[in-house]
Amino acid sequence: GMPYCDDLYLDVVLLPDGQLFLLDEDELEEALSKRIIRQSDFELAHREAAALMRSIREGRNYLIQAGEEHFRDLLVKLE
């Protein structure tokens, strides 16, 4: 019954100018070396980050698309 969020350690950052960064790889490696996570978790984090970054680069990330659509809708309502 407690809300929680799974954190895969890696952070994907997209700046307004389109620059895309992967951060906190050192934290992921530290978690692996301290046996906080397993090798499979380490690999999952990298796969998910790569897939997310690929969807952003290819312009098919559903969260960004939804945000842009909502922004356009707001602009229409403000006119």
C-alpha atoms as a PDB file:
ATOM      1  CA  GLY A   1       0.000   0.000   0.000  1.00  0.00           C
ATOM      2  CA  MET A   2       3.002   2.343   0.079  1.00  0.00           C
ATOM      3  CA  PRO A   3       3.697   4.345  -3.074  1.00  0.00           C
ATOM      4  CA  TYR A   4       7.193   3.886  -4.451  1.00  0.00           C
ATOM      5  CA  CYS A   5       9.255   4.414  -7.557  1.00  0.00           C
ATOM      6  CA  ASP A   6      11.877   2.093  -8.991  1.00  0.00           C
ATOM      7  CA  ASP A   7      15.048   4.038  -9.674  1.00  0.00           C
ATOM      8  CA  LEU A   8      17.465   2.529 -12.170  1.00  0.00           C
ATOM      9  CA  TYR A   9      20.161   5.030 -11.062  1.00  0.00           C
ATOM     10  CA  LEU A  10      20.722   6.497 -14.519  1.00  0.00           C
ATOM     11  CA  ASP A  11      19.235   9.866 -15.401  1.00  0.00           C
ATOM     12  CA  VAL A  12      18.398  10.935 -18.938  1.00  0.00           C
ATOM     13  CA  VAL A  13      18.347  14.716 -19.335  1.00  0.00           C
ATOM     14  CA  LEU A  14      16.925  16.510 -22.363  1.00  0.00           C
ATOM     15  CA  LEU A  15      17.592  20.240 -22.492  1.00  0.00           C
ATOM     16  CA  PRO A  16      15.307  22.691 -24.316  1.00  0.00           C
ATOM     17  CA  ASP A  17      17.939  23.134 -27.040  1.00  0.00           C
ATOM     18  CA  GLY A  18      17.814  19.393 -27.791  1.00  0.00           C
ATOM     19  CA  GLN A  19      21.006  18.348 -26.041  1.00  0.00           C
ATOM     20  CA  LEU A  20      20.638  14.901 -24.515  1.00  0.00           C
ATOM     21  CA  PHE A  21      22.728  13.587 -21.628  1.00  0.00           C
ATOM     22  CA  LEU A  22      23.077  10.378 -19.657  1.00  0.00           C
ATOM     23  CA  LEU A  23      24.025  11.075 -16.039  1.00  0.00           C
ATOM     24  CA  ASP A  24      24.944   9.103 -12.927  1.00  0.00           C
ATOM     25  CA  GLU A  25      26.657   6.170 -14.600  1.00  0.00           C
ATOM     26  CA  ASP A  26      29.113   6.274 -11.707  1.00  0.00           C
ATOM     27  CA  GLU A  27      26.262   5.715  -9.230  1.00  0.00           C
ATOM     28  CA  LEU A  28      25.075   2.703 -11.204  1.00  0.00           C
ATOM     29  CA  GLU A  29      28.574   1.221 -11.294  1.00  0.00           C
ATOM     30  CA  GLU A  30      28.992   1.855  -7.560  1.00  0.00           C
ATOM     31  CA  ALA A  31      25.698   0.095  -6.820  1.00  0.00           C
ATOM     32  CA  LEU A  32      26.911  -2.897  -8.816  1.00  0.00           C
ATOM     33  CA  SER A  33      30.308  -2.980  -7.127  1.00  0.00           C
ATOM     34  CA  LYS A  34      28.682  -2.765  -3.674  1.00  0.00           C
ATOM     35  CA  ARG A  35      26.251  -5.527  -4.667  1.00  0.00           C
ATOM     36  CA  ILE A  36      23.229  -3.298  -4.113  1.00  0.00           C
ATOM     37  CA  ILE A  37      22.100  -4.382  -7.575  1.00  0.00           C
ATOM     38  CA  ARG A  38      22.786  -7.458  -9.685  1.00  0.00           C
ATOM     39  CA  GLN A  39      24.481  -7.564 -13.071  1.00  0.00           C
ATOM     40  CA  SER A  40      21.067  -8.080 -14.653  1.00  0.00           C
ATOM     41  CA  ASP A  41      19.831  -4.829 -13.033  1.00  0.00           C
ATOM     42  CA  PHE A  42      22.923  -3.019 -14.318  1.00  0.00           C
ATOM     43  CA  GLU A  43      22.254  -4.253 -17.844  1.00  0.00           C
ATOM     44  CA  LEU A  44      18.546  -3.419 -17.585  1.00  0.00           C
ATOM     45  CA  ALA A  45      19.349   0.165 -16.585  1.00  0.00           C
ATOM     46  CA  HIS A  46      21.619   0.600 -19.603  1.00  0.00           C
ATOM     47  CA  ARG A  47      19.110  -0.990 -21.997  1.00  0.00           C
ATOM     48  CA  GLU A  48      16.255   1.182 -20.739  1.00  0.00           C
ATOM     49  CA  ALA A  49      18.335   4.375 -20.861  1.00  0.00           C
ATOM     50  CA  ALA A  50      19.487   3.551 -24.404  1.00  0.00           C
ATOM     51  CA  ALA A  51      15.911   2.853 -25.518  1.00  0.00           C
ATOM     52  CA  LEU A  52      14.669   6.083 -23.956  1.00  0.00           C
ATOM     53  CA  MET A  53      17.427   8.138 -25.555  1.00  0.00           C
ATOM     54  CA  ARG A  54      16.805   6.468 -28.924  1.00  0.00           C
ATOM     55  CA  SER A  55      13.072   7.271 -28.757  1.00  0.00           C
ATOM     56  CA  ILE A  56      13.897  10.899 -27.971  1.00  0.00           C
ATOM     57  CA  ARG A  57      16.447  11.214 -30.792  1.00  0.00           C
ATOM     58  CA  GLU A  58      14.038   9.622 -33.277  1.00  0.00           C
ATOM     59  CA  GLY A  59      11.172  11.912 -32.236  1.00  0.00           C
ATOM     60  CA  ARG A  60       8.926   9.079 -31.092  1.00  0.00           C
ATOM     61  CA  ASN A  61       8.947   9.462 -27.312  1.00  0.00           C
ATOM     62  CA  TYR A  62       5.306   9.345 -26.244  1.00  0.00           C
ATOM     63  CA  LEU A  63       5.773  11.585 -23.181  1.00  0.00           C
ATOM     64  CA  ILE A  64       7.388  14.346 -25.194  1.00  0.00           C
ATOM     65  CA  GLN A  65       4.767  13.990 -27.933  1.00  0.00           C
ATOM     66  CA  ALA A  66       1.956  14.228 -25.372  1.00  0.00           C
ATOM     67  CA  GLY A  67       3.554  17.264 -23.739  1.00  0.00           C
ATOM     68  CA  GLU A  68       3.906  19.024 -27.081  1.00  0.00           C
ATOM     69  CA  GLU A  69       0.291  18.230 -27.952  1.00  0.00           C
ATOM     70  CA  HIS A  70      -0.970  19.591 -24.632  1.00  0.00           C
ATOM     71  CA  PHE A  71       1.160  22.701 -25.078  1.00  0.00           C
ATOM     72  CA  ARG A  72      -0.370  23.333 -28.525  1.00  0.00           C
ATOM     73  CA  ASP A  73      -3.839  22.876 -27.045  1.00  0.00           C
ATOM     74  CA  LEU A  74      -3.092  25.418 -24.341  1.00  0.00           C
ATOM     75  CA  LEU A  75      -1.848  27.929 -26.903  1.00  0.00           C
ATOM     76  CA  VAL A  76      -5.094  27.574 -28.872  1.00  0.00           C
ATOM     77  CA  LYS A  77      -7.123  28.170 -25.714  1.00  0.00           C
ATOM     78  CA  LEU A  78      -5.116  31.290 -24.904  1.00  0.00           C
ATOM     79  CA  GLU A  79      -5.786  32.901 -28.277  1.00  0.00           C
END
